[in-house]
PDB file of N, CA and C in Angstrom:
ATOM      1  N   MET A   1      24.414  -7.182 -73.538  1.00  0.00           N
ATOM      2  CA  MET A   1      25.148  -7.019 -72.297  1.00  0.00           C
ATOM      3  C   MET A   1      25.205  -8.366 -71.592  1.00  0.00           C
ATOM      4  N   ASP A   2      26.287  -9.030 -71.697  1.00  0.00           N
ATOM      5  CA  ASP A   2      26.457 -10.359 -71.119  1.00  0.00           C
ATOM      6  C   ASP A   2      27.376 -10.246 -69.909  1.00  0.00           C
ATOM      7  N   ILE A   3      26.981 -10.917 -68.802  1.00  0.00           N
ATOM      8  CA  ILE A   3      27.765 -10.855 -67.565  1.00  0.00           C
ATOM      9  C   ILE A   3      29.068 -11.628 -67.695  1.00  0.00           C
ATOM     10  N   SER A   4      29.139 -12.547 -68.646  1.00  0.00           N
ATOM     11  CA  SER A   4      30.349 -13.355 -68.795  1.00  0.00           C
ATOM     12  C   SER A   4      31.546 -12.522 -69.228  1.00  0.00           C
ATOM     13  N   ASN A   5      31.320 -11.349 -69.763  1.00  0.00           N
ATOM     14  CA  ASN A   5      32.432 -10.476 -70.146  1.00  0.00           C
ATOM     15  C   ASN A   5      33.121  -9.879 -68.919  1.00  0.00           C
ATOM     16  N   TYR A   6      32.377  -9.728 -67.811  1.00  0.00           N
ATOM     17  CA  TYR A   6      32.924  -9.062 -66.627  1.00  0.00           C
ATOM     18  C   TYR A   6      33.436 -10.032 -65.562  1.00  0.00           C
ATOM     19  N   VAL A   7      32.991 -11.273 -65.584  1.00  0.00           N
ATOM     20  CA  VAL A   7      33.367 -12.255 -64.578  1.00  0.00           C
ATOM     21  C   VAL A   7      34.437 -13.164 -65.169  1.00  0.00           C
ATOM     22  N   PRO A   8      35.520 -13.449 -64.426  1.00  0.00           N
ATOM     23  CA  PRO A   8      36.556 -14.349 -64.950  1.00  0.00           C
ATOM     24  C   PRO A   8      35.989 -15.728 -65.267  1.00  0.00           C
ATOM     25  N   LYS A   9      36.592 -16.400 -66.238  1.00  0.00           N
ATOM     26  CA  LYS A   9      36.067 -17.668 -66.747  1.00  0.00           C
ATOM     27  C   LYS A   9      36.153 -18.788 -65.720  1.00  0.00           C
ATOM     28  N   ASN A  10      37.174 -18.778 -64.864  1.00  0.00           N
ATOM     29  CA  ASN A  10      37.288 -19.862 -63.878  1.00  0.00           C
ATOM     30  C   ASN A  10      36.177 -19.796 -62.830  1.00  0.00           C
ATOM     31  N   ILE A  11      35.687 -18.588 -62.523  1.00  0.00           N
ATOM     32  CA  ILE A  11      34.576 -18.468 -61.569  1.00  0.00           C
ATOM     33  C   ILE A  11      33.297 -18.985 -62.203  1.00  0.00           C
ATOM     34  N   LEU A  12      33.090 -18.636 -63.486  1.00  0.00           N
ATOM     35  CA  LEU A  12      31.905 -19.139 -64.180  1.00  0.00           C
ATOM     36  C   LEU A  12      31.939 -20.658 -64.280  1.00  0.00           C
ATOM     37  N   ARG A  13      33.100 -21.216 -64.509  1.00  0.00           N
ATOM     38  CA  ARG A  13      33.239 -22.664 -64.583  1.00  0.00           C
ATOM     39  C   ARG A  13      32.920 -23.297 -63.228  1.00  0.00           C
ATOM     40  N   GLY A  14      33.341 -22.652 -62.143  1.00  0.00           N
ATOM     41  CA  GLY A  14      33.035 -23.152 -60.801  1.00  0.00           C
ATOM     42  C   GLY A  14      31.539 -23.145 -60.532  1.00  0.00           C
ATOM     43  N   PHE A  15      30.847 -22.085 -60.953  1.00  0.00           N
ATOM     44  CA  PHE A  15      29.396 -22.030 -60.794  1.00  0.00           C
ATOM     45  C   PHE A  15      28.708 -23.140 -61.582  1.00  0.00           C
ATOM     46  N   GLU A  16      29.171 -23.367 -62.797  1.00  0.00           N
ATOM     47  CA  GLU A  16      28.569 -24.415 -63.631  1.00  0.00           C
ATOM     48  C   GLU A  16      28.820 -25.796 -63.041  1.00  0.00           C
ATOM     49  N   ASP A  17      30.003 -26.002 -62.477  1.00  0.00           N
ATOM     50  CA  ASP A  17      30.306 -27.299 -61.864  1.00  0.00           C
ATOM     51  C   ASP A  17      29.413 -27.566 -60.654  1.00  0.00           C
ATOM     52  N   THR A  18      29.237 -26.555 -59.802  1.00  0.00           N
ATOM     53  CA  THR A  18      28.375 -26.743 -58.627  1.00  0.00           C
ATOM     54  C   THR A  18      26.924 -26.926 -59.051  1.00  0.00           C
ATOM     55  N   LYS A  19      26.500 -26.211 -60.090  1.00  0.00           N
ATOM     56  CA  LYS A  19      25.136 -26.371 -60.599  1.00  0.00           C
ATOM     57  C   LYS A  19      24.922 -27.793 -61.112  1.00  0.00           C
ATOM     58  N   ASP A  20      25.890 -28.328 -61.830  1.00  0.00           N
ATOM     59  CA  ASP A  20      25.799 -29.702 -62.325  1.00  0.00           C
ATOM     60  C   ASP A  20      25.800 -30.704 -61.165  1.00  0.00           C
ATOM     61  N   TYR A  21      26.601 -30.438 -60.129  1.00  0.00           N
ATOM     62  CA  TYR A  21      26.672 -31.346 -58.977  1.00  0.00           C
ATOM     63  C   TYR A  21      25.319 -31.421 -58.267  1.00  0.00           C
ATOM     64  N   PHE A  22      24.704 -30.249 -58.027  1.00  0.00           N
ATOM     65  CA  PHE A  22      23.425 -30.237 -57.322  1.00  0.00           C
ATOM     66  C   PHE A  22      22.289 -30.795 -58.165  1.00  0.00           C
ATOM     67  N   SER A  23      22.372 -30.646 -59.483  1.00  0.00           N
ATOM     68  CA  SER A  23      21.311 -31.207 -60.328  1.00  0.00           C
ATOM     69  C   SER A  23      21.443 -32.723 -60.453  1.00  0.00           C
ATOM     70  N   SER A  24      22.648 -33.254 -60.335  1.00  0.00           N
ATOM     71  CA  SER A  24      22.833 -34.702 -60.462  1.00  0.00           C
ATOM     72  C   SER A  24      22.621 -35.436 -59.140  1.00  0.00           C
ATOM     73  N   ASN A  25      22.809 -34.782 -57.987  1.00  0.00           N
ATOM     74  CA  ASN A  25      22.654 -35.412 -56.667  1.00  0.00           C
ATOM     75  C   ASN A  25      21.470 -34.774 -55.929  1.00  0.00           C
ATOM     76  N   PRO A  26      20.319 -35.450 -55.859  1.00  0.00           N
ATOM     77  CA  PRO A  26      19.153 -34.843 -55.200  1.00  0.00           C
ATOM     78  C   PRO A  26      19.323 -34.703 -53.681  1.00  0.00           C
ATOM     79  N   LYS A  27      20.124 -35.564 -53.025  1.00  0.00           N
ATOM     80  CA  LYS A  27      20.345 -35.438 -51.580  1.00  0.00           C
ATOM     81  C   LYS A  27      21.115 -34.167 -51.244  1.00  0.00           C
ATOM     82  N   SER A  28      21.953 -33.747 -52.155  1.00  0.00           N
ATOM     83  CA  SER A  28      22.755 -32.553 -51.890  1.00  0.00           C
ATOM     84  C   SER A  28      21.890 -31.301 -51.819  1.00  0.00           C
ATOM     85  N   LYS A  29      20.732 -31.315 -52.480  1.00  0.00           N
ATOM     86  CA  LYS A  29      19.826 -30.163 -52.390  1.00  0.00           C
ATOM     87  C   LYS A  29      19.320 -30.002 -50.954  1.00  0.00           C
ATOM     88  N   PHE A  30      18.967 -31.118 -50.320  1.00  0.00           N
ATOM     89  CA  PHE A  30      18.479 -31.051 -48.942  1.00  0.00           C
ATOM     90  C   PHE A  30      19.584 -30.610 -47.986  1.00  0.00           C
ATOM     91  N   ILE A  31      20.789 -31.073 -48.253  1.00  0.00           N
ATOM     92  CA  ILE A  31      21.924 -30.655 -47.425  1.00  0.00           C
ATOM     93  C   ILE A  31      22.162 -29.164 -47.581  1.00  0.00           C
ATOM     94  N   LEU A  32      22.091 -28.686 -48.814  1.00  0.00           N
ATOM     95  CA  LEU A  32      22.286 -27.252 -49.066  1.00  0.00           C
ATOM     96  C   LEU A  32      21.174 -26.435 -48.423  1.00  0.00           C
ATOM     97  N   LEU A  33      19.923 -26.895 -48.552  1.00  0.00           N
ATOM     98  CA  LEU A  33      18.808 -26.179 -47.930  1.00  0.00           C
ATOM     99  C   LEU A  33      18.944 -26.167 -46.400  1.00  0.00           C
ATOM    100  N   GLY A  34      19.369 -27.281 -45.826  1.00  0.00           N
ATOM    101  CA  GLY A  34      19.592 -27.325 -44.382  1.00  0.00           C
ATOM    102  C   GLY A  34      20.688 -26.367 -43.951  1.00  0.00           C
ATOM    103  N   PHE A  35      21.760 -26.320 -44.716  1.00  0.00           N
ATOM    104  CA  PHE A  35      22.862 -25.404 -44.400  1.00  0.00           C
ATOM    105  C   PHE A  35      22.409 -23.954 -44.508  1.00  0.00           C
ATOM    106  N   VAL A  36      21.647 -23.637 -45.558  1.00  0.00           N
ATOM    107  CA  VAL A  36      21.145 -22.263 -45.730  1.00  0.00           C
ATOM    108  C   VAL A  36      20.190 -21.915 -44.589  1.00  0.00           C
ATOM    109  N   PHE A  37      19.335 -22.861 -44.200  1.00  0.00           N
ATOM    110  CA  PHE A  37      18.422 -22.627 -43.083  1.00  0.00           C
ATOM    111  C   PHE A  37      19.191 -22.382 -41.789  1.00  0.00           C
ATOM    112  N   PHE A  38      20.219 -23.184 -41.541  1.00  0.00           N
ATOM    113  CA  PHE A  38      21.045 -23.016 -40.344  1.00  0.00           C
ATOM    114  C   PHE A  38      21.723 -21.644 -40.333  1.00  0.00           C
ATOM    115  N   ILE A  39      22.266 -21.244 -41.455  1.00  0.00           N
ATOM    116  CA  ILE A  39      22.923 -19.931 -41.547  1.00  0.00           C
ATOM    117  C   ILE A  39      21.902 -18.814 -41.334  1.00  0.00           C
ATOM    118  N   ALA A  40      20.687 -18.976 -41.877  1.00  0.00           N
ATOM    119  CA  ALA A  40      19.655 -17.951 -41.703  1.00  0.00           C
ATOM    120  C   ALA A  40      19.255 -17.831 -40.234  1.00  0.00           C
ATOM    121  N   VAL A  41      19.078 -18.956 -39.561  1.00  0.00           N
ATOM    122  CA  VAL A  41      18.717 -18.924 -38.135  1.00  0.00           C
ATOM    123  C   VAL A  41      19.842 -18.302 -37.320  1.00  0.00           C
ATOM    124  N   TYR A  42      21.067 -18.641 -37.635  1.00  0.00           N
ATOM    125  CA  TYR A  42      22.215 -18.070 -36.927  1.00  0.00           C
ATOM    126  C   TYR A  42      22.282 -16.559 -37.141  1.00  0.00           C
ATOM    127  N   ALA A  43      22.043 -16.115 -38.384  1.00  0.00           N
ATOM    128  CA  ALA A  43      22.098 -14.680 -38.677  1.00  0.00           C
ATOM    129  C   ALA A  43      20.995 -13.936 -37.935  1.00  0.00           C
ATOM    130  N   VAL A  44      19.805 -14.508 -37.886  1.00  0.00           N
ATOM    131  CA  VAL A  44      18.699 -13.861 -37.170  1.00  0.00           C
ATOM    132  C   VAL A  44      18.986 -13.806 -35.675  1.00  0.00           C
ATOM    133  N   SER A  45      19.546 -14.862 -35.121  1.00  0.00           N
ATOM    134  CA  SER A  45      19.847 -14.859 -33.688  1.00  0.00           C
ATOM    135  C   SER A  45      20.944 -13.854 -33.352  1.00  0.00           C
ATOM    136  N   LYS A  46      21.937 -13.740 -34.217  1.00  0.00           N
ATOM    137  CA  LYS A  46      22.994 -12.744 -33.975  1.00  0.00           C
ATOM    138  C   LYS A  46      22.452 -11.331 -34.114  1.00  0.00           C
ATOM    139  N   TYR A  47      21.528 -11.136 -35.037  1.00  0.00           N
ATOM    140  CA  TYR A  47      20.949  -9.814 -35.248  1.00  0.00           C
ATOM    141  C   TYR A  47      20.083  -9.404 -34.059  1.00  0.00           C
ATOM    142  N   SER A  48      19.397 -10.380 -33.454  1.00  0.00           N
ATOM    143  CA  SER A  48      18.493 -10.051 -32.359  1.00  0.00           C
ATOM    144  C   SER A  48      19.177 -10.036 -31.001  1.00  0.00           C
ATOM    145  N   GLU A  49      20.460 -10.339 -30.934  1.00  0.00           N
ATOM    146  CA  GLU A  49      21.178 -10.298 -29.658  1.00  0.00           C
ATOM    147  C   GLU A  49      21.271  -8.869 -29.159  1.00  0.00           C
ATOM    148  N   THR A  50      21.152  -8.727 -27.852  1.00  0.00           N
ATOM    149  CA  THR A  50      21.307  -7.403 -27.246  1.00  0.00           C
ATOM    150  C   THR A  50      22.422  -7.470 -26.219  1.00  0.00           C
ATOM    151  N   ASN A  51      23.056  -6.365 -26.024  1.00  0.00           N
ATOM    152  CA  ASN A  51      24.119  -6.275 -25.023  1.00  0.00           C
ATOM    153  C   ASN A  51      23.562  -5.631 -23.772  1.00  0.00           C
ATOM    154  N   ASN A  52      23.821  -6.242 -22.635  1.00  0.00           N
ATOM    155  CA  ASN A  52      23.419  -5.676 -21.357  1.00  0.00           C
ATOM    156  C   ASN A  52      24.622  -4.976 -20.751  1.00  0.00           C
ATOM    157  N   VAL A  53      24.432  -3.709 -20.423  1.00  0.00           N
ATOM    158  CA  VAL A  53      25.507  -2.928 -19.830  1.00  0.00           C
ATOM    159  C   VAL A  53      25.189  -2.752 -18.356  1.00  0.00           C
ATOM    160  N   VAL A  54      26.127  -3.102 -17.509  1.00  0.00           N
ATOM    161  CA  VAL A  54      25.952  -2.974 -16.067  1.00  0.00           C
ATOM    162  C   VAL A  54      26.865  -1.857 -15.586  1.00  0.00           C
ATOM    163  N   TYR A  55      26.252  -0.874 -14.947  1.00  0.00           N
ATOM    164  CA  TYR A  55      27.019   0.238 -14.405  1.00  0.00           C
ATOM    165  C   TYR A  55      27.230  -0.005 -12.919  1.00  0.00           C
ATOM    166  N   ARG A  56      28.433   0.165 -12.481  1.00  0.00           N
ATOM    167  CA  ARG A  56      28.741  -0.024 -11.065  1.00  0.00           C
ATOM    168  C   ARG A  56      29.180   1.298 -10.472  1.00  0.00           C
ATOM    169  N   GLU A  57      28.726   1.529  -9.248  1.00  0.00           N
ATOM    170  CA  GLU A  57      29.119   2.732  -8.533  1.00  0.00           C
ATOM    171  C   GLU A  57      29.987   2.327  -7.348  1.00  0.00           C
ATOM    172  N   ASN A  58      30.873   3.227  -6.976  1.00  0.00           N
ATOM    173  CA  ASN A  58      31.746   2.946  -5.844  1.00  0.00           C
ATOM    174  C   ASN A  58      31.057   3.212  -4.511  1.00  0.00           C
ATOM    175  N   LYS A  59      29.895   3.870  -4.550  1.00  0.00           N
ATOM    176  CA  LYS A  59      29.175   4.168  -3.314  1.00  0.00           C
ATOM    177  C   LYS A  59      28.473   2.917  -2.811  1.00  0.00           C
ATOM    178  N   LYS A  60      28.296   2.878  -1.503  1.00  0.00           N
ATOM    179  CA  LYS A  60      27.537   1.772  -0.922  1.00  0.00           C
ATOM    180  C   LYS A  60      26.049   2.067  -1.095  1.00  0.00           C
ATOM    181  N   PRO A  61      25.241   1.049  -1.319  1.00  0.00           N
ATOM    182  CA  PRO A  61      23.804   1.291  -1.448  1.00  0.00           C
ATOM    183  C   PRO A  61      23.200   1.686  -0.107  1.00  0.00           C
ATOM    184  N   VAL A  62      22.151   2.492  -0.169  1.00  0.00           N
ATOM    185  CA  VAL A  62      21.491   2.976   1.040  1.00  0.00           C
ATOM    186  C   VAL A  62      20.135   2.285   1.145  1.00  0.00           C
ATOM    187  N   PHE A  63      19.973   1.510   2.188  1.00  0.00           N
ATOM    188  CA  PHE A  63      18.708   0.847   2.451  1.00  0.00           C
ATOM    189  C   PHE A  63      18.161   1.425   3.749  1.00  0.00           C
ATOM    190  N   THR A  64      17.491   2.561   3.668  1.00  0.00           N
ATOM    191  CA  THR A  64      16.999   3.190   4.890  1.00  0.00           C
ATOM    192  C   THR A  64      15.803   2.449   5.453  1.00  0.00           C
ATOM    193  N   GLU A  65      14.889   2.030   4.601  1.00  0.00           N
ATOM    194  CA  GLU A  65      13.717   1.333   5.093  1.00  0.00           C
ATOM    195  C   GLU A  65      13.660  -0.088   4.550  1.00  0.00           C
ATOM    196  N   GLY A  66      14.796  -0.622   4.185  1.00  0.00           N
ATOM    197  CA  GLY A  66      14.814  -1.971   3.629  1.00  0.00           C
ATOM    198  C   GLY A  66      14.777  -3.011   4.727  1.00  0.00           C
ATOM    199  N   ARG A  67      13.808  -3.902   4.658  1.00  0.00           N
ATOM    200  CA  ARG A  67      13.705  -4.944   5.667  1.00  0.00           C
ATOM    201  C   ARG A  67      14.232  -6.267   5.150  1.00  0.00           C
ATOM    202  N   ILE A  68      14.323  -6.403   3.853  1.00  0.00           N
ATOM    203  CA  ILE A  68      14.733  -7.692   3.309  1.00  0.00           C
ATOM    204  C   ILE A  68      16.236  -7.875   3.468  1.00  0.00           C
ATOM    205  N   LEU A  69      16.995  -6.867   3.050  1.00  0.00           N
ATOM    206  CA  LEU A  69      18.443  -7.002   3.084  1.00  0.00           C
ATOM    207  C   LEU A  69      19.050  -6.529   4.399  1.00  0.00           C
ATOM    208  N   GLY A  70      18.415  -5.558   5.036  1.00  0.00           N
ATOM    209  CA  GLY A  70      18.967  -5.010   6.267  1.00  0.00           C
ATOM    210  C   GLY A  70      18.458  -5.758   7.485  1.00  0.00           C
ATOM    211  N   THR A  71      18.928  -5.327   8.652  1.00  0.00           N
ATOM    212  CA  THR A  71      18.467  -5.942   9.887  1.00  0.00           C
ATOM    213  C   THR A  71      17.130  -5.336  10.279  1.00  0.00           C
ATOM    214  N   GLN A  72      16.380  -6.057  11.071  1.00  0.00           N
ATOM    215  CA  GLN A  72      15.086  -5.566  11.531  1.00  0.00           C
ATOM    216  C   GLN A  72      15.203  -4.945  12.917  1.00  0.00           C
ATOM    217  N   LYS A  73      16.422  -4.581  13.271  1.00  0.00           N
ATOM    218  CA  LYS A  73      16.679  -4.027  14.593  1.00  0.00           C
ATOM    219  C   LYS A  73      15.907  -2.732  14.807  1.00  0.00           C
ATOM    220  N   ASN A  74      15.894  -1.854  13.803  1.00  0.00           N
ATOM    221  CA  ASN A  74      15.239  -0.559  13.976  1.00  0.00           C
ATOM    222  C   ASN A  74      13.738  -0.712  14.187  1.00  0.00           C
ATOM    223  N   SER A  75      13.100  -1.548  13.388  1.00  0.00           N
ATOM    224  CA  SER A  75      11.653  -1.719  13.550  1.00  0.00           C
ATOM    225  C   SER A  75      11.333  -2.394  14.883  1.00  0.00           C
ATOM    226  N   PHE A  76      12.163  -3.330  15.302  1.00  0.00           N
ATOM    227  CA  PHE A  76      11.962  -3.989  16.595  1.00  0.00           C
ATOM    228  C   PHE A  76      12.091  -2.979  17.724  1.00  0.00           C
ATOM    229  N   LEU A  77      13.120  -2.127  17.639  1.00  0.00           N
ATOM    230  CA  LEU A  77      13.320  -1.123  18.685  1.00  0.00           C
ATOM    231  C   LEU A  77      12.195  -0.096  18.692  1.00  0.00           C
ATOM    232  N   LYS A  78      11.675   0.266  17.522  1.00  0.00           N
ATOM    233  CA  LYS A  78      10.567   1.220  17.474  1.00  0.00           C
ATOM    234  C   LYS A  78       9.324   0.643  18.137  1.00  0.00           C
ATOM    235  N   SER A  79       9.042  -0.626  17.884  1.00  0.00           N
ATOM    236  CA  SER A  79       7.858  -1.234  18.503  1.00  0.00           C
ATOM    237  C   SER A  79       8.032  -1.320  20.019  1.00  0.00           C
ATOM    238  N   LYS A  80       9.234  -1.658  20.475  1.00  0.00           N
ATOM    239  CA  LYS A  80       9.487  -1.711  21.920  1.00  0.00           C
ATOM    240  C   LYS A  80       9.366  -0.317  22.535  1.00  0.00           C
ATOM    241  N   GLU A  81       9.829   0.691  21.822  1.00  0.00           N
ATOM    242  CA  GLU A  81       9.736   2.065  22.322  1.00  0.00           C
ATOM    243  C   GLU A  81       8.279   2.503  22.432  1.00  0.00           C
ATOM    244  N   GLN A  82       7.453   2.118  21.467  1.00  0.00           N
ATOM    245  CA  GLN A  82       6.032   2.456  21.532  1.00  0.00           C
ATOM    246  C   GLN A  82       5.360   1.767  22.716  1.00  0.00           C
ATOM    247  N   GLN A  83       5.691   0.505  22.944  1.00  0.00           N
ATOM    248  CA  GLN A  83       5.121  -0.204  24.094  1.00  0.00           C
ATOM    249  C   GLN A  83       5.556   0.446  25.402  1.00  0.00           C
ATOM    250  N   LEU A  84       6.823   0.830  25.462  1.00  0.00           N
ATOM    251  CA  LEU A  84       7.343   1.469  26.671  1.00  0.00           C
ATOM    252  C   LEU A  84       6.672   2.815  26.914  1.00  0.00           C
ATOM    253  N   SER A  85       6.462   3.580  25.850  1.00  0.00           N
ATOM    254  CA  SER A  85       5.823   4.887  26.035  1.00  0.00           C
ATOM    255  C   SER A  85       4.367   4.721  26.481  1.00  0.00           C
ATOM    256  N   LYS A  86       3.670   3.690  25.991  1.00  0.00           N
ATOM    257  CA  LYS A  86       2.290   3.445  26.441  1.00  0.00           C
ATOM    258  C   LYS A  86       2.258   3.094  27.924  1.00  0.00           C
ATOM    259  N   THR A  87       3.146   2.199  28.337  1.00  0.00           N
ATOM    260  CA  THR A  87       3.165   1.816  29.756  1.00  0.00           C
ATOM    261  C   THR A  87       3.605   2.992  30.625  1.00  0.00           C
ATOM    262  N   ALA A  88       4.524   3.809  30.122  1.00  0.00           N
ATOM    263  CA  ALA A  88       4.956   4.982  30.895  1.00  0.00           C
ATOM    264  C   ALA A  88       3.803   5.963  31.064  1.00  0.00           C
ATOM    265  N   LYS A  89       2.989   6.160  30.029  1.00  0.00           N
ATOM    266  CA  LYS A  89       1.833   7.058  30.135  1.00  0.00           C
ATOM    267  C   LYS A  89       0.829   6.527  31.152  1.00  0.00           C
ATOM    268  N   LYS A  90       0.609   5.199  31.141  1.00  0.00           N
ATOM    269  CA  LYS A  90      -0.316   4.605  32.110  1.00  0.00           C
ATOM    270  C   LYS A  90       0.197   4.793  33.533  1.00  0.00           C
ATOM    271  N   ILE A  91       1.482   4.566  33.737  1.00  0.00           N
ATOM    272  CA  ILE A  91       2.075   4.717  35.078  1.00  0.00           C
ATOM    273  C   ILE A  91       2.012   6.165  35.533  1.00  0.00           C
ATOM    274  N   MET A  92       2.316   7.094  34.632  1.00  0.00           N
ATOM    275  CA  MET A  92       2.262   8.520  34.998  1.00  0.00           C
ATOM    276  C   MET A  92       0.834   8.942  35.340  1.00  0.00           C
ATOM    277  N   ALA A  93      -0.143   8.421  34.585  1.00  0.00           N
ATOM    278  CA  ALA A  93      -1.545   8.761  34.883  1.00  0.00           C
ATOM    279  C   ALA A  93      -1.949   8.204  36.245  1.00  0.00           C
ATOM    280  N   SER A  94      -1.546   6.970  36.544  1.00  0.00           N
ATOM    281  CA  SER A  94      -1.892   6.392  37.852  1.00  0.00           C
ATOM    282  C   SER A  94      -1.150   7.120  38.971  1.00  0.00           C
ATOM    283  N   ASN A  95       0.088   7.538  38.754  1.00  0.00           N
ATOM    284  CA  ASN A  95       0.829   8.307  39.765  1.00  0.00           C
ATOM    285  C   ASN A  95       0.157   9.646  40.027  1.00  0.00           C
ATOM    286  N   LYS A  96      -0.330  10.268  38.972  1.00  0.00           N
ATOM    287  CA  LYS A  96      -0.999  11.561  39.128  1.00  0.00           C
ATOM    288  C   LYS A  96      -2.274  11.390  39.956  1.00  0.00           C
ATOM    289  N   ALA A  97      -3.014  10.321  39.675  1.00  0.00           N
ATOM    290  CA  ALA A  97      -4.239  10.062  40.452  1.00  0.00           C
ATOM    291  C   ALA A  97      -3.890   9.783  41.914  1.00  0.00           C
ATOM    292  N   LEU A  98      -2.829   9.024  42.172  1.00  0.00           N
ATOM    293  CA  LEU A  98      -2.414   8.749  43.551  1.00  0.00           C
ATOM    294  C   LEU A  98      -1.979  10.023  44.263  1.00  0.00           C
ATOM    295  N   LEU A  99      -1.234  10.883  43.587  1.00  0.00           N
ATOM    296  CA  LEU A  99      -0.818  12.148  44.209  1.00  0.00           C
ATOM    297  C   LEU A  99      -2.022  13.011  44.561  1.00  0.00           C
ATOM    298  N   GLU A 100      -3.032  13.038  43.712  1.00  0.00           N
ATOM    299  CA  GLU A 100      -4.236  13.830  44.007  1.00  0.00           C
ATOM    300  C   GLU A 100      -4.960  13.274  45.236  1.00  0.00           C
ATOM    301  N   LYS A 101      -5.048  11.928  45.331  1.00  0.00           N
ATOM    302  CA  LYS A 101      -5.692  11.311  46.497  1.00  0.00           C
ATOM    303  C   LYS A 101      -4.914  11.609  47.775  1.00  0.00           C
ATOM    304  N   ILE A 102      -3.579  11.548  47.686  1.00  0.00           N
ATOM    305  CA  ILE A 102      -2.744  11.846  48.864  1.00  0.00           C
ATOM    306  C   ILE A 102      -2.941  13.290  49.301  1.00  0.00           C
ATOM    307  N   GLN A 103      -2.995  14.211  48.337  1.00  0.00           N
ATOM    308  CA  GLN A 103      -3.202  15.622  48.690  1.00  0.00           C
ATOM    309  C   GLN A 103      -4.571  15.833  49.349  1.00  0.00           C
ATOM    310  N   LYS A 104      -5.602  15.143  48.854  1.00  0.00           N
ATOM    311  CA  LYS A 104      -6.931  15.254  49.470  1.00  0.00           C
ATOM    312  C   LYS A 104      -6.915  14.719  50.900  1.00  0.00           C
ATOM    313  N   LEU A 105      -6.234  13.577  51.082  1.00  0.00           N
ATOM    314  CA  LEU A 105      -6.150  13.004  52.433  1.00  0.00           C
ATOM    315  C   LEU A 105      -5.381  13.920  53.378  1.00  0.00           C
ATOM    316  N   GLU A 106      -4.308  14.539  52.877  1.00  0.00           N
ATOM    317  CA  GLU A 106      -3.545  15.471  53.722  1.00  0.00           C
ATOM    318  C   GLU A 106      -4.396  16.673  54.106  1.00  0.00           C
ATOM    319  N   LYS A 107      -5.198  17.164  53.174  1.00  0.00           N
ATOM    320  CA  LYS A 107      -6.073  18.301  53.484  1.00  0.00           C
ATOM    321  C   LYS A 107      -7.112  17.914  54.536  1.00  0.00           C
ATOM    322  N   ARG A 108      -7.649  16.697  54.450  1.00  0.00           N
ATOM    323  CA  ARG A 108      -8.620  16.226  55.443  1.00  0.00           C
ATOM    324  C   ARG A 108      -7.977  16.108  56.822  1.00  0.00           C
ATOM    325  N   MET A 109      -6.738  15.587  56.827  1.00  0.00           N
ATOM    326  CA  MET A 109      -6.050  15.436  58.109  1.00  0.00           C
ATOM    327  C   MET A 109      -5.759  16.796  58.731  1.00  0.00           C
ATOM    328  N   GLU A 110      -5.380  17.751  57.911  1.00  0.00           N
ATOM    329  CA  GLU A 110      -5.113  19.094  58.437  1.00  0.00           C
ATOM    330  C   GLU A 110      -6.402  19.745  58.928  1.00  0.00           C
ATOM    331  N   ALA A 111      -7.479  19.473  58.240  1.00  0.00           N
ATOM    332  CA  ALA A 111      -8.761  20.061  58.654  1.00  0.00           C
ATOM    333  C   ALA A 111      -9.230  19.468  59.981  1.00  0.00           C
ATOM    334  N   LYS A 112      -8.983  18.201  60.241  1.00  0.00           N
ATOM    335  CA  LYS A 112      -9.400  17.548  61.474  1.00  0.00           C
ATOM    336  C   LYS A 112      -8.491  17.922  62.638  1.00  0.00           C
ATOM    337  N   SER A 113      -7.268  18.256  62.400  1.00  0.00           N
ATOM    338  CA  SER A 113      -6.395  18.540  63.514  1.00  0.00           C
ATOM    339  C   SER A 113      -6.338  19.977  63.867  1.00  0.00           C
TER     340      SER A 113
END
């Protein structure tokens, strides 16, 4: 079983010519090895490539508690509101104490008169 029966003669002659060329020129072996190495690296890099798919939505993103991209207006207003509520509680407590003192003084005045 000889392969030369199945392959055309001009192709076999081409193989023999290239074989003779590479055996007679030692520099051509290094060039061929470099080319094969380059093709191998290229094939591996193409094989390992991945495709990144980016999906886009028509909706706007929601940043409810985002401080980096959004404004800090809400957090600033919340802190001011907390300070205001603390001062309001202090004022209401002092007003309540003053009203109690006024009522006691009025009772004393009524008792004396």
